[in-house]
Amino acid sequence: MKLHREGYLIILIGVLILGAIHVGNYFLLQATGWDWLYYLLTLGELVMLYLIVQFFRVPNRTVNAEDLDIVCPADGKVVVIEEVEETEYFKDKRIQISIFMSPLNVHANWNPIKGIVKYVKYHPGLFLVAWHPKSSTDNERSTFVVEHNNGKEILFRQIAGAVARRICYYAKEGDKVDQGTEFGFIKFGSRIDLFLPLDAKVDVKIGDKVQGKITKIGSL
């Protein structure tokens, strides 16, 4: 387990703010004799710090998948599996699989397949709740397409939500990526959409809880 680099500054700010509150509570409440309230607030401060730190955790995981497997790009819950018209890049029908990430999930994002990054585009937008049907097209989002060595392409998209207000990504067009390597991070809850070829095999179902780099979404 390690901490993600996107969290270093936020954790430092959180420690300084909570530390200042703790010192203030100590002098104010100890002087008035309200020890029980001081200890209660201290517990609350520790819980808040724990929640901030655990949000930026990155577990040590090893990809164990075959060449044509599609591994899960994020931790969360499968909320959509359906055939849709993908209008940004493919402009044809694809299988959409959407994964909702709660604030308690790991928020690092990993490449589902190995190959060449063919397309990267950031879209400013709204901050609808991540499970809203229009969040995939109207919310702030980043879209990526990776072409496998066999010529098949997968599109995956980071989508901001009502709480998530910053999408971080590191992939660039032309990059050669390995399956399970990190391509981005979403701060404070959101959603990942994948668009697979119609002939792809799907190994998950709606309601499944999935883990990035570990769960097999399907295969090409």
Protein backbone atom coordinates (compact mmCIF):
# COMPACT_ATOMS: atom_id res chain seq x y z
CA MET A 1 0.00 0.00 0.00
CA LYS A 2 1.24 3.50 -0.84
CA LEU A 3 -0.16 7.01 -1.15
CA HIS A 4 -0.87 8.49 -4.56
CA ARG A 5 1.15 11.55 -5.54
CA GLU A 6 -2.08 13.46 -6.26
CA GLY A 7 -2.82 13.36 -2.54
CA TYR A 8 0.44 14.70 -1.09
CA LEU A 9 -0.58 18.37 -1.03
CA ILE A 10 -4.16 17.70 0.08
CA ILE A 11 -3.00 15.46 2.91
CA LEU A 12 -0.47 18.09 4.03
CA ILE A 13 -3.14 20.81 4.01
CA GLY A 14 -5.50 18.50 5.90
CA VAL A 15 -2.88 17.78 8.56
CA LEU A 16 -2.15 21.51 9.04
CA ILE A 17 -5.84 22.47 9.27
CA LEU A 18 -6.76 19.61 11.60
CA GLY A 19 -3.64 20.27 13.67
CA ALA A 20 -4.62 23.93 14.11
CA ILE A 21 -8.16 22.93 15.08
CA HIS A 22 -6.81 20.40 17.56
CA VAL A 23 -4.54 22.96 19.25
CA GLY A 24 -7.40 25.44 19.44
CA ASN A 25 -9.72 22.83 20.94
CA TYR A 26 -7.08 21.86 23.49
CA PHE A 27 -6.59 25.35 24.92
CA LEU A 28 -10.28 26.28 24.72
CA LEU A 29 -11.84 23.13 26.13
CA GLN A 30 -9.16 22.16 28.63
CA ALA A 31 -9.45 25.63 30.14
CA THR A 32 -13.22 25.24 30.58
CA GLY A 33 -12.96 21.72 31.95
CA TRP A 34 -14.91 20.11 29.09
CA ASP A 35 -12.49 17.23 28.73
CA TRP A 36 -15.13 14.90 27.31
CA LEU A 37 -15.83 17.29 24.42
CA TYR A 38 -12.11 17.69 23.75
CA TYR A 39 -11.66 13.91 23.46
CA LEU A 40 -14.76 13.60 21.26
CA LEU A 41 -13.53 16.28 18.87
CA THR A 42 -10.07 14.70 18.82
CA LEU A 43 -11.65 11.42 17.75
CA GLY A 44 -13.52 13.26 15.00
CA GLU A 45 -10.29 14.88 13.78
CA LEU A 46 -8.55 11.49 13.60
CA VAL A 47 -11.46 10.00 11.66
CA MET A 48 -11.38 12.91 9.20
CA LEU A 49 -7.63 12.52 8.69
CA TYR A 50 -8.05 8.77 8.15
CA LEU A 51 -10.72 9.36 5.49
CA ILE A 52 -8.49 11.82 3.63
CA VAL A 53 -5.50 9.47 3.70
CA GLN A 54 -7.45 6.35 2.72
CA PHE A 55 -8.94 8.14 -0.29
CA PHE A 56 -5.47 8.49 -1.80
CA ARG A 57 -4.34 4.95 -1.04
CA VAL A 58 -2.99 2.81 -3.86
CA PRO A 59 -2.86 -0.91 -3.02
CA ASN A 60 -0.06 -3.11 -4.31
CA ARG A 61 -1.66 -5.30 -6.98
CA THR A 62 -0.27 -7.53 -9.69
CA VAL A 63 -2.06 -8.06 -12.99
CA ASN A 64 -2.71 -11.73 -13.70
CA ALA A 65 -4.42 -11.77 -17.08
CA GLU A 66 -4.13 -13.23 -20.55
CA ASP A 67 -3.16 -11.12 -23.56
CA LEU A 68 -6.75 -10.68 -24.81
CA ASP A 69 -8.30 -10.12 -21.37
CA ILE A 70 -9.81 -6.75 -20.47
CA VAL A 71 -8.97 -5.94 -16.86
CA CYS A 72 -11.01 -3.57 -14.76
CA PRO A 73 -9.69 0.03 -14.91
CA ALA A 74 -11.06 1.08 -11.50
CA ASP A 75 -12.51 -0.08 -8.20
CA GLY A 76 -16.26 0.25 -7.85
CA LYS A 77 -19.61 -1.22 -8.82
CA VAL A 78 -20.87 -2.15 -12.30
CA VAL A 79 -23.96 0.00 -12.93
CA VAL A 80 -24.43 -0.23 -16.72
CA ILE A 81 -24.01 -2.98 -19.32
CA GLU A 82 -25.76 -2.19 -22.58
CA GLU A 83 -25.36 -1.80 -26.33
CA VAL A 84 -25.15 1.89 -27.23
CA GLU A 85 -24.13 4.23 -30.03
CA GLU A 86 -20.70 5.66 -29.23
CA THR A 87 -20.68 9.13 -30.76
CA GLU A 88 -17.27 10.63 -29.95
CA TYR A 89 -14.75 8.34 -31.62
CA PHE A 90 -16.13 5.12 -33.08
CA LYS A 91 -19.49 6.56 -34.18
CA ASP A 92 -21.02 3.10 -34.22
CA LYS A 93 -22.52 0.60 -31.79
CA ARG A 94 -20.46 -0.65 -28.87
CA ILE A 95 -20.97 -2.47 -25.57
CA GLN A 96 -20.88 0.09 -22.77
CA ILE A 97 -19.82 -1.00 -19.28
CA SER A 98 -19.92 1.65 -16.55
CA ILE A 99 -18.28 1.45 -13.13
CA PHE A 100 -19.40 3.77 -10.34
CA MET A 101 -16.66 4.77 -7.90
CA SER A 102 -17.79 5.84 -4.42
CA PRO A 103 -15.64 8.15 -2.25
CA LEU A 104 -14.52 5.05 -0.30
CA ASN A 105 -13.09 3.27 -3.35
CA VAL A 106 -9.50 3.38 -4.56
CA HIS A 107 -9.45 6.15 -7.18
CA ALA A 108 -6.39 5.33 -9.27
CA ASN A 109 -7.24 4.29 -12.86
CA TRP A 110 -5.43 1.59 -14.84
CA ASN A 111 -5.20 0.66 -18.51
CA PRO A 112 -7.56 -2.25 -19.28
CA ILE A 113 -5.46 -3.58 -22.18
CA LYS A 114 -1.98 -3.17 -23.57
CA GLY A 115 -1.37 -1.38 -26.84
CA ILE A 116 -0.94 2.06 -28.40
CA VAL A 117 -2.85 5.13 -27.20
CA LYS A 118 -4.63 6.33 -30.34
CA TYR A 119 -6.80 9.11 -28.92
CA VAL A 120 -6.84 11.37 -25.85
CA LYS A 121 -9.28 14.21 -25.33
CA TYR A 122 -10.39 16.24 -22.32
CA HIS A 123 -13.90 17.71 -22.27
CA PRO A 124 -14.97 20.44 -19.81
CA GLY A 125 -18.56 20.01 -18.68
CA LEU A 126 -21.11 19.74 -15.90
CA PHE A 127 -20.97 17.93 -12.55
CA LEU A 128 -24.14 15.85 -12.56
CA VAL A 129 -24.25 12.89 -10.18
CA ALA A 130 -22.12 10.14 -11.70
CA TRP A 131 -25.02 7.69 -12.15
CA HIS A 132 -27.10 10.22 -14.12
CA PRO A 133 -27.73 8.91 -17.70
CA LYS A 134 -26.34 12.13 -19.23
CA SER A 135 -23.19 12.24 -17.11
CA SER A 136 -21.34 10.25 -19.79
CA THR A 137 -21.89 12.99 -22.37
CA ASP A 138 -22.50 16.19 -20.37
CA ASN A 139 -20.09 16.00 -17.43
CA GLU A 140 -16.44 16.97 -17.33
CA ARG A 141 -14.63 13.95 -18.74
CA SER A 142 -11.49 12.59 -20.40
CA THR A 143 -11.64 10.03 -23.20
CA PHE A 144 -8.94 7.53 -24.19
CA VAL A 145 -8.68 4.92 -26.93
CA VAL A 146 -6.09 2.15 -26.85
CA GLU A 147 -5.49 -0.13 -29.83
CA HIS A 148 -4.49 -3.69 -29.00
CA ASN A 149 -1.79 -5.47 -30.99
CA ASN A 150 -4.55 -7.41 -32.80
CA GLY A 151 -6.00 -4.15 -34.16
CA LYS A 152 -9.07 -3.98 -31.92
CA GLU A 153 -9.66 -0.76 -29.99
CA ILE A 154 -11.21 -0.03 -26.59
CA LEU A 155 -12.47 3.38 -25.53
CA PHE A 156 -12.56 4.26 -21.83
CA ARG A 157 -13.63 7.49 -20.22
CA GLN A 158 -13.10 9.17 -16.85
CA ILE A 159 -16.24 11.05 -15.81
CA ALA A 160 -16.44 13.64 -13.03
CA GLY A 161 -19.40 13.54 -10.66
CA ALA A 162 -21.21 15.84 -8.27
CA VAL A 163 -18.38 15.47 -5.72
CA ALA A 164 -15.45 14.72 -8.02
CA ARG A 165 -14.13 18.05 -9.26
CA ARG A 166 -10.81 17.13 -10.76
CA ILE A 167 -9.80 14.54 -13.31
CA CYS A 168 -6.08 13.77 -13.54
CA TYR A 169 -4.64 11.82 -16.45
CA TYR A 170 -1.17 11.05 -17.73
CA ALA A 171 -1.69 9.24 -21.06
CA LYS A 172 -0.68 10.88 -24.34
CA GLU A 173 -1.43 9.94 -27.93
CA GLY A 174 1.24 7.62 -29.28
CA ASP A 175 2.17 6.18 -25.87
CA LYS A 176 2.74 2.45 -25.69
CA VAL A 177 1.00 1.21 -22.54
CA ASP A 178 0.95 -2.08 -20.68
CA GLN A 179 -2.14 -3.66 -19.20
CA GLY A 180 -2.63 -2.51 -15.61
CA THR A 181 -0.35 0.53 -15.77
CA GLU A 182 -1.81 3.72 -14.34
CA PHE A 183 -3.32 6.25 -16.74
CA GLY A 184 -5.07 8.60 -14.31
CA PHE A 185 -6.77 9.45 -11.04
CA ILE A 186 -10.17 10.96 -10.19
CA LYS A 187 -10.53 12.95 -6.99
CA PHE A 188 -13.51 12.22 -4.73
CA GLY A 189 -15.89 9.76 -6.35
CA SER A 190 -16.93 9.35 -9.97
CA ARG A 191 -17.37 6.91 -12.84
CA ILE A 192 -15.47 5.06 -15.56
CA ASP A 193 -17.13 4.02 -18.84
CA LEU A 194 -15.69 1.40 -21.19
CA PHE A 195 -16.83 0.88 -24.79
CA LEU A 196 -16.00 -2.57 -26.15
CA PRO A 197 -16.41 -4.14 -29.59
CA LEU A 198 -19.77 -5.88 -30.07
CA ASP A 199 -18.04 -9.24 -30.35
CA ALA A 200 -16.20 -8.82 -27.04
CA LYS A 201 -16.99 -11.34 -24.32
CA VAL A 202 -18.34 -9.76 -21.11
CA ASP A 203 -17.61 -11.53 -17.80
CA VAL A 204 -19.30 -9.14 -15.34
CA LYS A 205 -22.93 -8.31 -14.61
CA ILE A 206 -24.76 -5.28 -13.22
CA GLY A 207 -24.28 -4.99 -9.47
CA ASP A 208 -20.88 -6.70 -9.40
CA LYS A 209 -18.25 -5.10 -7.18
CA VAL A 210 -15.01 -4.93 -9.14
CA GLN A 211 -11.35 -4.19 -8.42
CA GLY A 212 -8.96 -2.38 -10.69
CA LYS A 213 -6.12 -4.51 -12.15
CA ILE A 214 -7.71 -7.66 -10.71
CA THR A 215 -11.27 -8.19 -11.99
CA LYS A 216 -11.60 -9.50 -15.53
CA ILE A 217 -14.21 -7.38 -17.33
CA GLY A 218 -14.17 -9.54 -20.44
CA SER A 219 -11.99 -10.41 -23.40
CA LEU A 220 -11.45 -9.27 -26.98
